[in-house]
Amino acid sequence: MANDPSESGAGSSASSSRPGLPTLTVFTPTFNRAYILPVCYDSLKRQTSKDFLWLIVDDGSTDGTEELVASWMAEGAIPIRYHKQENQGMHGAHNAAYERIETELNVCIDSDDYMPEDAVEAIVRFWREHGSEHVAGIAGLDVDPAGRIIGTELPERLGTSTLTDLYGIHKVRGDKKLVYRSQLTRQTPPYPLFEGENYGPLSYKYVLIDQLHPLLLLNKPLCVVEYLPDGSSMNIIKQYRRNPQGFAFFRKTAMKHAPSTRERLREAIHYVSSSLMSGNRRFLQESPCRLHTVLAAPAGILLYLYLTRTSRSTARKVEKAAAKG
């Protein structure tokens, strides 16, 4: 099987205005998830709109994922592109996806999640009615398998908002499904990779896109989310410990663009904690908000002590912060 998406699956072009190219790329980073990936595949086969292709980024799986995907490509039920690379972690897989996406829009559906059967139809219709160069994409809802909204709905009174403002000002809670214009995910910098680490907060790129355009808000479920025991959401404290440089890098970006003093202090607390974990003694000099970092230092030290000593793999407050960051 070809490992580069330009060599397998549907044809490609640079813009959705060119004939034959779907509007949407659904991309799925995966690592040793052959046991659950068929659930996502089945949901894509059931989509009421076929105006999409599925890009699978295999981040070094050794569990037969490649052979499984080859069998699906042979079926020809939906257009599939497949790219396999050495393991780089979730953010490295996102980098690979964004480098290869050529459709107008893209959305990430994780390997343990799936889409309601009308999700693609809802995205494409809503975008055709309201999309433009003046918005970054669409923010929709995540729901659990019972159909319950993860966190809160999006504010009905707003037509658009940045993701930062949704959480920081409008007090939205819980993960939301983000559909982005591919032009913007390409033009913003990729996630940095740090030696010895394999996870970085995906919100780094989202915060940068926030500085360009707001998102359209769609109060409709676009993704069904299952938090599995081997997923990053259920092991966020371990991620903090194992990837402090990635988290500290993100917190500097989040501090710089925080919508309020309170949010800036919150990001600074996490920045101090992650910097201590990484052994970076120059964190104050490197901070984009030195005064806030000084004020946040006592709380940051306490968070550092908690994260390095607790035996828990996730914590409610930490998980909420990670969901945002």
C-alpha atoms as a PDB file:
ATOM      1  CA  MET A   1       0.000   0.000   0.000  1.00  0.00           C
ATOM      2  CA  ALA A   2       1.247   3.483  -0.772  1.00  0.00           C
ATOM      3  CA  ASN A   3       2.069   5.406   2.384  1.00  0.00           C
ATOM      4  CA  ASP A   4       1.577   8.903   0.957  1.00  0.00           C
ATOM      5  CA  PRO A   5      -1.995  10.121   0.399  1.00  0.00           C
ATOM      6  CA  SER A   6      -1.071  11.600  -2.958  1.00  0.00           C
ATOM      7  CA  GLU A   7      -0.425   8.059  -4.129  1.00  0.00           C
ATOM      8  CA  SER A   8      -3.559   6.356  -2.792  1.00  0.00           C
ATOM      9  CA  GLY A   9      -7.258   7.111  -2.618  1.00  0.00           C
ATOM     10  CA  ALA A  10      -9.143   9.874  -4.388  1.00  0.00           C
ATOM     11  CA  GLY A  11      -7.685  12.478  -6.711  1.00  0.00           C
ATOM     12  CA  SER A  12      -6.451  15.797  -5.379  1.00  0.00           C
ATOM     13  CA  SER A  13      -6.473  19.488  -6.177  1.00  0.00           C
ATOM     14  CA  ALA A  14      -5.662  22.704  -4.403  1.00  0.00           C
ATOM     15  CA  SER A  15      -9.142  24.191  -3.973  1.00  0.00           C
ATOM     16  CA  SER A  16     -12.716  23.064  -3.547  1.00  0.00           C
ATOM     17  CA  SER A  17     -13.567  25.101  -6.674  1.00  0.00           C
ATOM     18  CA  ARG A  18     -11.780  22.546  -8.831  1.00  0.00           C
ATOM     19  CA  PRO A  19     -14.005  19.737 -10.112  1.00  0.00           C
ATOM     20  CA  GLY A  20     -13.860  16.404  -8.341  1.00  0.00           C
ATOM     21  CA  LEU A  21     -12.506  17.575  -5.000  1.00  0.00           C
ATOM     22  CA  PRO A  22     -14.805  17.146  -1.968  1.00  0.00           C
ATOM     23  CA  THR A  23     -15.549  20.058   0.339  1.00  0.00           C
ATOM     24  CA  LEU A  24     -14.367  18.323   3.512  1.00  0.00           C
ATOM     25  CA  THR A  25     -11.473  16.181   4.664  1.00  0.00           C
ATOM     26  CA  VAL A  26     -12.177  14.078   7.732  1.00  0.00           C
ATOM     27  CA  PHE A  27      -8.773  13.224   9.142  1.00  0.00           C
ATOM     28  CA  THR A  28      -8.018  10.646  11.806  1.00  0.00           C
ATOM     29  CA  PRO A  29      -4.671  10.329  13.567  1.00  0.00           C
ATOM     30  CA  THR A  30      -4.268   6.792  14.880  1.00  0.00           C
ATOM     31  CA  PHE A  31      -1.764   4.726  16.809  1.00  0.00           C
ATOM     32  CA  ASN A  32      -2.504   1.050  17.501  1.00  0.00           C
ATOM     33  CA  ARG A  33      -6.246   1.568  17.389  1.00  0.00           C
ATOM     34  CA  ALA A  34      -7.182  -1.190  14.934  1.00  0.00           C
ATOM     35  CA  TYR A  35      -9.536  -2.589  17.575  1.00  0.00           C
ATOM     36  CA  ILE A  36     -11.753   0.541  17.600  1.00  0.00           C
ATOM     37  CA  LEU A  37     -11.090   2.246  14.235  1.00  0.00           C
ATOM     38  CA  PRO A  38     -13.850   0.254  12.445  1.00  0.00           C
ATOM     39  CA  VAL A  39     -16.459   2.167  14.465  1.00  0.00           C
ATOM     40  CA  CYS A  40     -15.295   5.416  12.884  1.00  0.00           C
ATOM     41  CA  TYR A  41     -15.161   3.804   9.444  1.00  0.00           C
ATOM     42  CA  ASP A  42     -18.708   2.468   9.740  1.00  0.00           C
ATOM     43  CA  SER A  43     -19.996   5.916  10.721  1.00  0.00           C
ATOM     44  CA  LEU A  44     -18.377   7.458   7.671  1.00  0.00           C
ATOM     45  CA  LYS A  45     -19.919   4.858   5.391  1.00  0.00           C
ATOM     46  CA  ARG A  46     -23.341   5.836   6.781  1.00  0.00           C
ATOM     47  CA  GLN A  47     -22.977   9.547   6.069  1.00  0.00           C
ATOM     48  CA  THR A  48     -25.952  11.034   4.233  1.00  0.00           C
ATOM     49  CA  SER A  49     -23.563  13.297   2.309  1.00  0.00           C
ATOM     50  CA  LYS A  50     -20.577  11.871   0.457  1.00  0.00           C
ATOM     51  CA  ASP A  51     -18.926  15.277   0.009  1.00  0.00           C
ATOM     52  CA  PHE A  52     -15.812  14.241   1.940  1.00  0.00           C
ATOM     53  CA  LEU A  53     -12.736  12.064   1.927  1.00  0.00           C
ATOM     54  CA  TRP A  54     -11.116  10.281   4.861  1.00  0.00           C
ATOM     55  CA  LEU A  55      -7.430  10.874   5.541  1.00  0.00           C
ATOM     56  CA  ILE A  56      -5.907   8.383   7.984  1.00  0.00           C
ATOM     57  CA  VAL A  57      -2.553   9.336   9.502  1.00  0.00           C
ATOM     58  CA  ASP A  58      -1.029   6.187  10.970  1.00  0.00           C
ATOM     59  CA  ASP A  59       1.476   7.334  13.587  1.00  0.00           C
ATOM     60  CA  GLY A  60       3.602   4.203  13.602  1.00  0.00           C
ATOM     61  CA  SER A  61       1.024   1.514  14.415  1.00  0.00           C
ATOM     62  CA  THR A  62       2.206  -2.079  14.787  1.00  0.00           C
ATOM     63  CA  ASP A  63      -1.185  -3.737  15.296  1.00  0.00           C
ATOM     64  CA  GLY A  64      -2.262  -4.406  11.707  1.00  0.00           C
ATOM     65  CA  THR A  65      -3.807  -0.994  11.059  1.00  0.00           C
ATOM     66  CA  GLU A  66      -2.159  -0.766   7.640  1.00  0.00           C
ATOM     67  CA  GLU A  67      -3.664  -4.067   6.487  1.00  0.00           C
ATOM     68  CA  LEU A  68      -7.069  -3.093   7.886  1.00  0.00           C
ATOM     69  CA  VAL A  69      -7.079   0.193   5.982  1.00  0.00           C
ATOM     70  CA  ALA A  70      -5.932  -1.604   2.825  1.00  0.00           C
ATOM     71  CA  SER A  71      -9.013  -3.821   3.006  1.00  0.00           C
ATOM     72  CA  TRP A  72     -11.271  -0.773   3.332  1.00  0.00           C
ATOM     73  CA  MET A  73      -9.622   0.930   0.389  1.00  0.00           C
ATOM     74  CA  ALA A  74     -10.224  -2.217  -1.648  1.00  0.00           C
ATOM     75  CA  GLU A  75     -13.927  -2.044  -0.731  1.00  0.00           C
ATOM     76  CA  GLY A  76     -14.180   1.417  -2.272  1.00  0.00           C
ATOM     77  CA  ALA A  77     -17.147   2.423  -0.094  1.00  0.00           C
ATOM     78  CA  ILE A  78     -15.658   5.865   0.634  1.00  0.00           C
ATOM     79  CA  PRO A  79     -12.555   7.670  -0.659  1.00  0.00           C
ATOM     80  CA  ILE A  80      -9.653   6.997   1.716  1.00  0.00           C
ATOM     81  CA  ARG A  81      -6.132   8.355   1.777  1.00  0.00           C
ATOM     82  CA  TYR A  82      -3.537   6.741   4.000  1.00  0.00           C
ATOM     83  CA  HIS A  83      -0.227   8.061   5.298  1.00  0.00           C
ATOM     84  CA  LYS A  84       2.070   6.143   7.622  1.00  0.00           C
ATOM     85  CA  GLN A  85       4.956   7.702   9.520  1.00  0.00           C
ATOM     86  CA  GLU A  86       7.253   7.026  12.440  1.00  0.00           C
ATOM     87  CA  ASN A  87       5.616   7.748  15.771  1.00  0.00           C
ATOM     88  CA  GLN A  88       5.593  11.465  16.560  1.00  0.00           C
ATOM     89  CA  GLY A  89       2.591  11.705  18.853  1.00  0.00           C
ATOM     90  CA  MET A  90      -0.813  13.235  18.294  1.00  0.00           C
ATOM     91  CA  HIS A  91       0.475  16.689  17.400  1.00  0.00           C
ATOM     92  CA  GLY A  92       2.991  15.248  14.944  1.00  0.00           C
ATOM     93  CA  ALA A  93       0.175  13.329  13.264  1.00  0.00           C
ATOM     94  CA  HIS A  94      -1.824  16.563  13.020  1.00  0.00           C
ATOM     95  CA  ASN A  95       1.160  18.230  11.345  1.00  0.00           C
ATOM     96  CA  ALA A  96       1.256  15.451   8.765  1.00  0.00           C
ATOM     97  CA  ALA A  97      -2.481  15.786   8.123  1.00  0.00           C
ATOM     98  CA  TYR A  98      -2.401  19.552   7.656  1.00  0.00           C
ATOM     99  CA  GLU A  99       0.488  19.209   5.200  1.00  0.00           C
ATOM    100  CA  ARG A 100      -1.595  16.878   3.043  1.00  0.00           C
ATOM    101  CA  ILE A 101      -5.134  18.310   3.205  1.00  0.00           C
ATOM    102  CA  GLU A 102      -6.226  20.009  -0.004  1.00  0.00           C
ATOM    103  CA  THR A 103      -9.990  20.357   0.470  1.00  0.00           C
ATOM    104  CA  GLU A 104     -11.593  23.633   1.526  1.00  0.00           C
ATOM    105  CA  LEU A 105     -12.481  22.383   5.025  1.00  0.00           C
ATOM    106  CA  ASN A 106     -11.092  19.819   7.429  1.00  0.00           C
ATOM    107  CA  VAL A 107     -12.181  18.241  10.700  1.00  0.00           C
ATOM    108  CA  CYS A 108     -10.380  15.829  13.009  1.00  0.00           C
ATOM    109  CA  ILE A 109     -12.297  12.772  14.188  1.00  0.00           C
ATOM    110  CA  ASP A 110     -10.158  10.842  16.632  1.00  0.00           C
ATOM    111  CA  SER A 111      -9.683   7.104  16.215  1.00  0.00           C
ATOM    112  CA  ASP A 112     -11.947   6.316  19.184  1.00  0.00           C
ATOM    113  CA  ASP A 113     -14.725   8.707  18.064  1.00  0.00           C
ATOM    114  CA  TYR A 114     -17.286   8.671  15.259  1.00  0.00           C
ATOM    115  CA  MET A 115     -19.700  10.949  13.419  1.00  0.00           C
ATOM    116  CA  PRO A 116     -23.510  11.070  13.496  1.00  0.00           C
ATOM    117  CA  GLU A 117     -24.779   9.999  10.093  1.00  0.00           C
ATOM    118  CA  ASP A 118     -25.842  13.531   9.099  1.00  0.00           C
ATOM    119  CA  ALA A 119     -22.717  15.312  10.371  1.00  0.00           C
ATOM    120  CA  VAL A 120     -20.992  15.824   7.008  1.00  0.00           C
ATOM    121  CA  GLU A 121     -24.269  16.991   5.474  1.00  0.00           C
ATOM    122  CA  ALA A 122     -24.759  19.499   8.318  1.00  0.00           C
ATOM    123  CA  ILE A 123     -21.207  20.847   7.986  1.00  0.00           C
ATOM    124  CA  VAL A 124     -21.343  21.300   4.225  1.00  0.00           C
ATOM    125  CA  ARG A 125     -24.825  22.829   4.205  1.00  0.00           C
ATOM    126  CA  PHE A 126     -24.031  25.252   7.030  1.00  0.00           C
ATOM    127  CA  TRP A 127     -20.785  26.276   5.356  1.00  0.00           C
ATOM    128  CA  ARG A 128     -22.451  26.900   2.003  1.00  0.00           C
ATOM    129  CA  GLU A 129     -25.046  29.085   3.713  1.00  0.00           C
ATOM    130  CA  HIS A 130     -22.761  31.056   6.016  1.00  0.00           C
ATOM    131  CA  GLY A 131     -19.107  30.390   5.190  1.00  0.00           C
ATOM    132  CA  SER A 132     -16.754  33.033   3.831  1.00  0.00           C
ATOM    133  CA  GLU A 133     -13.155  34.208   3.892  1.00  0.00           C
ATOM    134  CA  HIS A 134     -14.023  36.255   6.967  1.00  0.00           C
ATOM    135  CA  VAL A 135     -14.511  33.243   9.252  1.00  0.00           C
ATOM    136  CA  ALA A 136     -12.104  30.480  10.247  1.00  0.00           C
ATOM    137  CA  GLY A 137     -14.588  27.604  10.068  1.00  0.00           C
ATOM    138  CA  ILE A 138     -17.263  26.092  12.271  1.00  0.00           C
ATOM    139  CA  ALA A 139     -17.479  25.129  15.938  1.00  0.00           C
ATOM    140  CA  GLY A 140     -20.026  22.373  16.585  1.00  0.00           C
ATOM    141  CA  LEU A 141     -20.911  20.051  19.439  1.00  0.00           C
ATOM    142  CA  ASP A 142     -19.402  16.864  20.801  1.00  0.00           C
ATOM    143  CA  VAL A 143     -21.806  14.410  22.419  1.00  0.00           C
ATOM    144  CA  ASP A 144     -21.372  11.179  24.343  1.00  0.00           C
ATOM    145  CA  PRO A 145     -22.746   7.854  23.012  1.00  0.00           C
ATOM    146  CA  ALA A 146     -26.053   8.529  24.798  1.00  0.00           C
ATOM    147  CA  GLY A 147     -26.429  11.810  22.930  1.00  0.00           C
ATOM    148  CA  ARG A 148     -25.648  14.073  25.891  1.00  0.00           C
ATOM    149  CA  ILE A 149     -23.729  17.241  25.047  1.00  0.00           C
ATOM    150  CA  ILE A 150     -20.145  17.304  26.318  1.00  0.00           C
ATOM    151  CA  GLY A 151     -20.075  20.377  28.542  1.00  0.00           C
ATOM    152  CA  THR A 152     -22.440  23.163  27.454  1.00  0.00           C
ATOM    153  CA  GLU A 153     -24.153  24.280  24.282  1.00  0.00           C
ATOM    154  CA  LEU A 154     -22.770  27.173  22.260  1.00  0.00           C
ATOM    155  CA  PRO A 155     -24.299  30.600  22.996  1.00  0.00           C
ATOM    156  CA  GLU A 156     -27.368  31.005  20.792  1.00  0.00           C
ATOM    157  CA  ARG A 157     -27.067  34.789  20.831  1.00  0.00           C
ATOM    158  CA  LEU A 158     -23.725  34.651  19.053  1.00  0.00           C
ATOM    159  CA  GLY A 159     -23.283  33.978  15.370  1.00  0.00           C
ATOM    160  CA  THR A 160     -19.505  33.844  15.574  1.00  0.00           C
ATOM    161  CA  SER A 161     -16.796  33.751  18.216  1.00  0.00           C
ATOM    162  CA  THR A 162     -13.178  32.830  18.614  1.00  0.00           C
ATOM    163  CA  LEU A 163     -12.489  29.658  20.546  1.00  0.00           C
ATOM    164  CA  THR A 164     -10.551  31.668  23.140  1.00  0.00           C
ATOM    165  CA  ASP A 165     -13.543  33.919  23.804  1.00  0.00           C
ATOM    166  CA  LEU A 166     -15.963  30.992  23.966  1.00  0.00           C
ATOM    167  CA  TYR A 167     -14.101  29.519  26.928  1.00  0.00           C
ATOM    168  CA  GLY A 168     -12.609  32.632  28.496  1.00  0.00           C
ATOM    169  CA  ILE A 169     -15.465  35.138  28.184  1.00  0.00           C
ATOM    170  CA  HIS A 170     -18.646  33.211  27.392  1.00  0.00           C
ATOM    171  CA  LYS A 171     -17.830  30.392  29.844  1.00  0.00           C
ATOM    172  CA  VAL A 172     -18.523  27.541  27.439  1.00  0.00           C
ATOM    173  CA  ARG A 173     -17.415  24.198  28.872  1.00  0.00           C
ATOM    174  CA  GLY A 174     -16.375  20.887  27.362  1.00  0.00           C
ATOM    175  CA  ASP A 175     -14.738  19.840  24.125  1.00  0.00           C
ATOM    176  CA  LYS A 176     -16.235  21.168  20.896  1.00  0.00           C
ATOM    177  CA  LYS A 177     -15.798  19.840  17.388  1.00  0.00           C
ATOM    178  CA  LEU A 178     -13.813  22.259  15.220  1.00  0.00           C
ATOM    179  CA  VAL A 179     -14.045  22.446  11.440  1.00  0.00           C
ATOM    180  CA  TYR A 180     -11.383  24.702   9.956  1.00  0.00           C
ATOM    181  CA  ARG A 181     -10.671  26.300   6.621  1.00  0.00           C
ATOM    182  CA  SER A 182      -7.673  24.388   5.347  1.00  0.00           C
ATOM    183  CA  GLN A 183      -5.998  27.554   4.102  1.00  0.00           C
ATOM    184  CA  LEU A 184      -5.684  28.677   7.726  1.00  0.00           C
ATOM    185  CA  THR A 185      -4.483  25.365   9.145  1.00  0.00           C
ATOM    186  CA  ARG A 186      -1.800  25.362   6.454  1.00  0.00           C
ATOM    187  CA  GLN A 187      -0.613  28.935   6.934  1.00  0.00           C
ATOM    188  CA  THR A 188      -0.281  28.844  10.727  1.00  0.00           C
ATOM    189  CA  PRO A 189       2.957  27.306  12.072  1.00  0.00           C
ATOM    190  CA  PRO A 190       3.075  23.545  12.710  1.00  0.00           C
ATOM    191  CA  TYR A 191       3.177  22.072  16.192  1.00  0.00           C
ATOM    192  CA  PRO A 192       6.748  22.043  17.501  1.00  0.00           C
ATOM    193  CA  LEU A 193       8.290  18.656  18.250  1.00  0.00           C
ATOM    194  CA  PHE A 194      10.486  18.302  21.320  1.00  0.00           C
ATOM    195  CA  GLU A 195      13.001  15.497  21.666  1.00  0.00           C
ATOM    196  CA  GLY A 196      11.809  12.827  24.062  1.00  0.00           C
ATOM    197  CA  GLU A 197       8.217  14.104  24.068  1.00  0.00           C
ATOM    198  CA  ASN A 198       5.257  12.885  22.021  1.00  0.00           C
ATOM    199  CA  TYR A 199       2.387  15.148  23.011  1.00  0.00           C
ATOM    200  CA  GLY A 200       1.666  18.840  22.630  1.00  0.00           C
ATOM    201  CA  PRO A 201      -1.592  20.751  23.232  1.00  0.00           C
ATOM    202  CA  LEU A 202      -3.502  21.002  19.970  1.00  0.00           C
ATOM    203  CA  SER A 203      -4.967  24.337  21.049  1.00  0.00           C
ATOM    204  CA  TYR A 204      -1.664  26.014  20.121  1.00  0.00           C
ATOM    205  CA  LYS A 205      -2.761  26.175  16.496  1.00  0.00           C
ATOM    206  CA  TYR A 206      -6.348  27.067  17.412  1.00  0.00           C
ATOM    207  CA  VAL A 207      -5.191  30.083  19.434  1.00  0.00           C
ATOM    208  CA  LEU A 208      -3.163  31.313  16.464  1.00  0.00           C
ATOM    209  CA  ILE A 209      -6.141  30.937  14.127  1.00  0.00           C
ATOM    210  CA  ASP A 210      -8.235  32.857  16.661  1.00  0.00           C
ATOM    211  CA  GLN A 211      -6.068  35.882  15.912  1.00  0.00           C
ATOM    212  CA  LEU A 212      -7.135  35.737  12.256  1.00  0.00           C
ATOM    213  CA  HIS A 213     -10.881  35.066  12.193  1.00  0.00           C
ATOM    214  CA  PRO A 214     -13.738  33.876  14.429  1.00  0.00           C
ATOM    215  CA  LEU A 215     -15.621  30.605  14.044  1.00  0.00           C
ATOM    216  CA  LEU A 216     -19.230  30.163  12.987  1.00  0.00           C
ATOM    217  CA  LEU A 217     -21.248  28.524  15.764  1.00  0.00           C
ATOM    218  CA  LEU A 218     -23.418  25.492  15.027  1.00  0.00           C
ATOM    219  CA  ASN A 219     -25.377  23.947  17.901  1.00  0.00           C
ATOM    220  CA  LYS A 220     -25.502  20.508  16.333  1.00  0.00           C
ATOM    221  CA  PRO A 221     -23.669  17.294  17.251  1.00  0.00           C
ATOM    222  CA  LEU A 222     -20.846  16.665  14.811  1.00  0.00           C
ATOM    223  CA  CYS A 223     -18.942  14.004  16.733  1.00  0.00           C
ATOM    224  CA  VAL A 224     -19.679  11.228  19.210  1.00  0.00           C
ATOM    225  CA  VAL A 225     -16.894  11.104  21.784  1.00  0.00           C
ATOM    226  CA  GLU A 226     -15.810   8.167  23.897  1.00  0.00           C
ATOM    227  CA  TYR A 227     -13.081   8.737  26.473  1.00  0.00           C
ATOM    228  CA  LEU A 228     -11.287   5.384  26.447  1.00  0.00           C
ATOM    229  CA  PRO A 229      -8.848   4.337  29.202  1.00  0.00           C
ATOM    230  CA  ASP A 230      -5.883   4.504  26.788  1.00  0.00           C
ATOM    231  CA  GLY A 231      -6.792   7.951  25.450  1.00  0.00           C
ATOM    232  CA  SER A 232      -4.935  11.172  26.220  1.00  0.00           C
ATOM    233  CA  SER A 233      -7.933  12.796  27.925  1.00  0.00           C
ATOM    234  CA  MET A 234      -8.024  10.064  30.554  1.00  0.00           C
ATOM    235  CA  ASN A 235      -4.273  10.274  31.136  1.00  0.00           C
ATOM    236  CA  ILE A 236      -3.745  14.017  31.118  1.00  0.00           C
ATOM    237  CA  ILE A 237      -1.602  14.149  34.272  1.00  0.00           C
ATOM    238  CA  LYS A 238       0.774  11.599  32.766  1.00  0.00           C
ATOM    239  CA  GLN A 239       0.891  13.774  29.641  1.00  0.00           C
ATOM    240  CA  TYR A 240       1.804  16.786  31.774  1.00  0.00           C
ATOM    241  CA  ARG A 241       4.662  14.859  33.340  1.00  0.00           C
ATOM    242  CA  ARG A 242       5.983  13.338  30.136  1.00  0.00           C
ATOM    243  CA  ASN A 243       5.720  16.407  27.898  1.00  0.00           C
ATOM    244  CA  PRO A 244       6.528  19.510  29.945  1.00  0.00           C
ATOM    245  CA  GLN A 245       8.331  21.365  27.160  1.00  0.00           C
ATOM    246  CA  GLY A 246       5.336  21.052  24.852  1.00  0.00           C
ATOM    247  CA  PHE A 247       2.940  22.263  27.513  1.00  0.00           C
ATOM    248  CA  ALA A 248       5.204  25.176  28.526  1.00  0.00           C
ATOM    249  CA  PHE A 249       5.533  26.230  24.882  1.00  0.00           C
ATOM    250  CA  PHE A 250       1.760  26.278  24.487  1.00  0.00           C
ATOM    251  CA  ARG A 251       1.224  28.213  27.726  1.00  0.00           C
ATOM    252  CA  LYS A 252       3.464  31.017  26.474  1.00  0.00           C
ATOM    253  CA  THR A 253       1.286  31.360  23.387  1.00  0.00           C
ATOM    254  CA  ALA A 254      -1.911  31.179  25.452  1.00  0.00           C
ATOM    255  CA  MET A 255      -0.626  33.799  27.908  1.00  0.00           C
ATOM    256  CA  LYS A 256       0.210  36.186  25.095  1.00  0.00           C
ATOM    257  CA  HIS A 257      -3.285  35.961  23.597  1.00  0.00           C
ATOM    258  CA  ALA A 258      -5.388  35.481  26.759  1.00  0.00           C
ATOM    259  CA  PRO A 259      -8.670  37.465  26.631  1.00  0.00           C
ATOM    260  CA  SER A 260      -8.550  38.585  30.276  1.00  0.00           C
ATOM    261  CA  THR A 261      -6.183  39.066  33.207  1.00  0.00           C
ATOM    262  CA  ARG A 262      -7.722  36.086  34.966  1.00  0.00           C
ATOM    263  CA  GLU A 263      -7.104  33.816  31.993  1.00  0.00           C
ATOM    264  CA  ARG A 264      -3.569  35.134  31.609  1.00  0.00           C
ATOM    265  CA  LEU A 265      -2.839  34.293  35.234  1.00  0.00           C
ATOM    266  CA  ARG A 266      -4.310  30.819  34.797  1.00  0.00           C
ATOM    267  CA  GLU A 267      -2.064  30.167  31.813  1.00  0.00           C
ATOM    268  CA  ALA A 268       0.905  31.555  33.758  1.00  0.00           C
ATOM    269  CA  ILE A 269       0.255  29.111  36.615  1.00  0.00           C
ATOM    270  CA  HIS A 270       0.439  26.195  34.179  1.00  0.00           C
ATOM    271  CA  TYR A 271       3.477  27.734  32.498  1.00  0.00           C
ATOM    272  CA  VAL A 272       5.351  27.881  35.804  1.00  0.00           C
ATOM    273  CA  SER A 273       4.403  24.286  36.625  1.00  0.00           C
ATOM    274  CA  SER A 274       5.470  22.899  33.241  1.00  0.00           C
ATOM    275  CA  SER A 275       8.680  24.924  33.269  1.00  0.00           C
ATOM    276  CA  LEU A 276       9.621  23.462  36.647  1.00  0.00           C
ATOM    277  CA  MET A 277       8.929  19.957  35.321  1.00  0.00           C
ATOM    278  CA  SER A 278      11.198  20.536  32.335  1.00  0.00           C
ATOM    279  CA  GLY A 279      13.969  21.984  34.505  1.00  0.00           C
ATOM    280  CA  ASN A 280      13.940  25.304  32.648  1.00  0.00           C
ATOM    281  CA  ARG A 281      15.499  27.857  34.996  1.00  0.00           C
ATOM    282  CA  ARG A 282      15.028  30.677  32.501  1.00  0.00           C
ATOM    283  CA  PHE A 283      11.257  30.474  32.414  1.00  0.00           C
ATOM    284  CA  LEU A 284      10.780  33.964  33.855  1.00  0.00           C
ATOM    285  CA  GLN A 285      13.085  35.555  31.275  1.00  0.00           C
ATOM    286  CA  GLU A 286      11.358  33.601  28.492  1.00  0.00           C
ATOM    287  CA  SER A 287       7.834  34.489  29.600  1.00  0.00           C
ATOM    288  CA  PRO A 288       5.890  36.894  27.339  1.00  0.00           C
ATOM    289  CA  CYS A 289       4.095  38.174  30.480  1.00  0.00           C
ATOM    290  CA  ARG A 290       6.695  38.434  33.216  1.00  0.00           C
ATOM    291  CA  LEU A 291       4.578  40.272  35.791  1.00  0.00           C
ATOM    292  CA  HIS A 292       1.786  37.704  35.510  1.00  0.00           C
ATOM    293  CA  THR A 293       4.343  34.920  35.740  1.00  0.00           C
ATOM    294  CA  VAL A 294       5.764  36.361  38.960  1.00  0.00           C
ATOM    295  CA  LEU A 295       2.273  36.687  40.433  1.00  0.00           C
ATOM    296  CA  ALA A 296       1.414  33.140  39.342  1.00  0.00           C
ATOM    297  CA  ALA A 297       4.615  31.560  40.692  1.00  0.00           C
ATOM    298  CA  PRO A 298       3.290  30.440  44.128  1.00  0.00           C
ATOM    299  CA  ALA A 299       0.237  28.743  42.600  1.00  0.00           C
ATOM    300  CA  GLY A 300       2.404  27.328  39.820  1.00  0.00           C
ATOM    301  CA  ILE A 301       4.739  25.752  42.361  1.00  0.00           C
ATOM    302  CA  LEU A 302       1.778  24.193  44.176  1.00  0.00           C
ATOM    303  CA  LEU A 303       0.431  22.801  40.903  1.00  0.00           C
ATOM    304  CA  TYR A 304       3.865  21.405  40.093  1.00  0.00           C
ATOM    305  CA  LEU A 305       4.034  19.672  43.469  1.00  0.00           C
ATOM    306  CA  TYR A 306       0.553  18.207  42.999  1.00  0.00           C
ATOM    307  CA  LEU A 307       1.166  16.937  39.476  1.00  0.00           C
ATOM    308  CA  THR A 308       4.497  15.339  40.363  1.00  0.00           C
ATOM    309  CA  ARG A 309       3.215  13.617  43.503  1.00  0.00           C
ATOM    310  CA  THR A 310      -0.330  12.520  42.740  1.00  0.00           C
ATOM    311  CA  SER A 311      -1.044   8.929  41.770  1.00  0.00           C
ATOM    312  CA  ARG A 312      -4.112   9.914  39.749  1.00  0.00           C
ATOM    313  CA  SER A 313      -4.036   9.837  35.969  1.00  0.00           C
ATOM    314  CA  THR A 314      -6.621  12.566  35.545  1.00  0.00           C
ATOM    315  CA  ALA A 315      -8.230  15.225  37.681  1.00  0.00           C
ATOM    316  CA  ARG A 316     -11.368  17.183  37.043  1.00  0.00           C
ATOM    317  CA  LYS A 317      -9.857  20.659  37.098  1.00  0.00           C
ATOM    318  CA  VAL A 318      -6.722  19.608  35.274  1.00  0.00           C
ATOM    319  CA  GLU A 319      -8.763  17.784  32.643  1.00  0.00           C
ATOM    320  CA  LYS A 320     -10.873  20.893  31.990  1.00  0.00           C
ATOM    321  CA  ALA A 321      -7.765  22.972  31.557  1.00  0.00           C
ATOM    322  CA  ALA A 322      -6.282  20.403  29.213  1.00  0.00           C
ATOM    323  CA  ALA A 323      -9.488  20.256  27.177  1.00  0.00           C
ATOM    324  CA  LYS A 324      -9.129  23.947  26.585  1.00  0.00           C
ATOM    325  CA  GLY A 325      -5.348  23.881  26.245  1.00  0.00           C
END
